[in-house]
Amino acid sequence: MQDLTQRLIKMQLAFNSKQPIHKRYQEAMHAATNQLVLSDFAPTMRKALEQQLVASNYVLQQYPIKTFDDYQMISDQHMQELWGYAKKIYKLLGGS
């Protein structure tokens, strides 16, 4: 549980940061997914998390991202979509 609490705190810090949205997204998703073991979750929760991650990946695959700096190439529309997925992941992990 402490691991999830730490993830949520880091995600919230990223959401509230003054950095550009692409950097906030990177930090939030890194906090959410870094060494996250999906098999530790109940099947329903795992499926919901996987759906958000797959949807995010679908958007990201449309860009030639090789480094974190490349995230700034993402269109505003797609970045807003990715931001929504990050917020859904935050809520699934227990954030409010």
Protein backbone atom coordinates (compact mmCIF):
# COMPACT_ATOMS: atom_id res chain seq x y z
CA MET A 1 0.00 0.00 0.00
CA GLN A 2 2.84 2.39 0.74
CA ASP A 3 4.13 1.90 -2.79
CA LEU A 4 0.77 3.03 -4.19
CA THR A 5 0.68 5.97 -1.80
CA GLN A 6 4.13 7.07 -2.95
CA ARG A 7 3.10 6.72 -6.59
CA LEU A 8 0.00 8.83 -6.01
CA ILE A 9 1.97 11.53 -4.21
CA LYS A 10 4.50 11.71 -7.05
CA MET A 11 1.73 11.79 -9.64
CA GLN A 12 -0.05 14.60 -7.80
CA LEU A 13 3.20 16.59 -7.62
CA ALA A 14 3.60 16.15 -11.39
CA PHE A 15 -0.01 17.18 -12.05
CA ASN A 16 0.45 20.35 -9.99
CA SER A 17 3.87 21.26 -11.38
CA LYS A 18 4.42 24.50 -13.32
CA GLN A 19 6.34 22.63 -16.05
CA PRO A 20 5.00 22.28 -19.59
CA ILE A 21 2.26 19.67 -19.89
CA HIS A 22 4.45 17.18 -21.77
CA LYS A 23 6.95 17.15 -18.89
CA ARG A 24 4.19 16.85 -16.30
CA TYR A 25 2.74 13.94 -18.26
CA GLN A 26 6.13 12.19 -18.42
CA GLU A 27 6.70 12.59 -14.69
CA ALA A 28 3.19 11.47 -13.76
CA MET A 29 3.35 8.38 -15.95
CA HIS A 30 6.84 7.52 -14.77
CA ALA A 31 5.61 7.70 -11.19
CA ALA A 32 2.58 5.59 -12.06
CA THR A 33 4.26 2.85 -14.06
CA ASN A 34 7.92 2.61 -13.04
CA GLN A 35 8.34 -0.98 -11.83
CA LEU A 36 4.59 -1.39 -11.46
CA VAL A 37 3.69 -5.07 -11.36
CA LEU A 38 0.27 -5.40 -12.93
CA SER A 39 -0.08 -9.02 -11.82
CA ASP A 40 -0.26 -7.74 -8.22
CA PHE A 41 -3.70 -6.27 -8.96
CA ALA A 42 -7.05 -8.00 -9.08
CA PRO A 43 -8.02 -8.97 -12.64
CA THR A 44 -10.65 -6.23 -12.97
CA MET A 45 -8.24 -3.53 -11.82
CA ARG A 46 -5.43 -4.92 -13.97
CA LYS A 47 -7.67 -4.88 -17.04
CA ALA A 48 -8.73 -1.27 -16.37
CA LEU A 49 -5.10 -0.16 -15.97
CA GLU A 50 -4.05 -2.05 -19.08
CA GLN A 51 -6.82 -0.36 -21.10
CA GLN A 52 -5.54 3.09 -20.14
CA LEU A 53 -1.93 2.14 -20.85
CA VAL A 54 -2.80 0.64 -24.24
CA ALA A 55 -4.81 3.73 -25.17
CA SER A 56 -1.86 5.94 -24.17
CA ASN A 57 0.52 3.80 -26.15
CA TYR A 58 -1.71 4.01 -29.22
CA VAL A 59 -1.41 7.81 -29.16
CA LEU A 60 2.32 7.76 -28.47
CA GLN A 61 3.00 5.36 -31.36
CA GLN A 62 1.91 8.09 -33.75
CA TYR A 63 5.07 10.06 -32.91
CA PRO A 64 8.77 9.27 -33.46
CA ILE A 65 9.61 9.50 -29.76
CA LYS A 66 13.16 8.48 -28.95
CA THR A 67 13.94 10.75 -25.97
CA PHE A 68 11.95 12.62 -23.35
CA ASP A 69 12.54 15.83 -25.30
CA ASP A 70 10.57 14.36 -28.19
CA TYR A 71 7.38 14.52 -26.13
CA GLN A 72 7.14 18.20 -26.98
CA MET A 73 6.28 17.15 -30.57
CA ILE A 74 2.95 15.74 -29.43
CA SER A 75 0.02 17.84 -30.60
CA ASP A 76 -2.05 19.74 -28.05
CA GLN A 77 -5.05 17.56 -28.83
CA HIS A 78 -3.12 14.34 -28.28
CA MET A 79 -1.45 15.71 -25.16
CA GLN A 80 -4.86 16.49 -23.68
CA GLU A 81 -5.94 12.94 -24.52
CA LEU A 82 -2.81 11.52 -22.84
CA TRP A 83 -3.38 13.81 -19.85
CA GLY A 84 -6.86 12.30 -19.49
CA TYR A 85 -5.44 8.78 -19.48
CA ALA A 86 -2.91 9.76 -16.81
CA LYS A 87 -5.72 11.16 -14.65
CA LYS A 88 -7.73 7.94 -15.09
CA ILE A 89 -4.71 5.87 -14.06
CA TYR A 90 -4.30 8.10 -11.01
CA LYS A 91 -7.91 7.44 -10.03
CA LEU A 92 -7.60 3.71 -10.65
CA LEU A 93 -4.57 3.59 -8.35
CA GLY A 94 -6.65 5.19 -5.62
CA GLY A 95 -6.27 8.92 -6.13
CA SER A 96 -9.20 11.25 -5.84
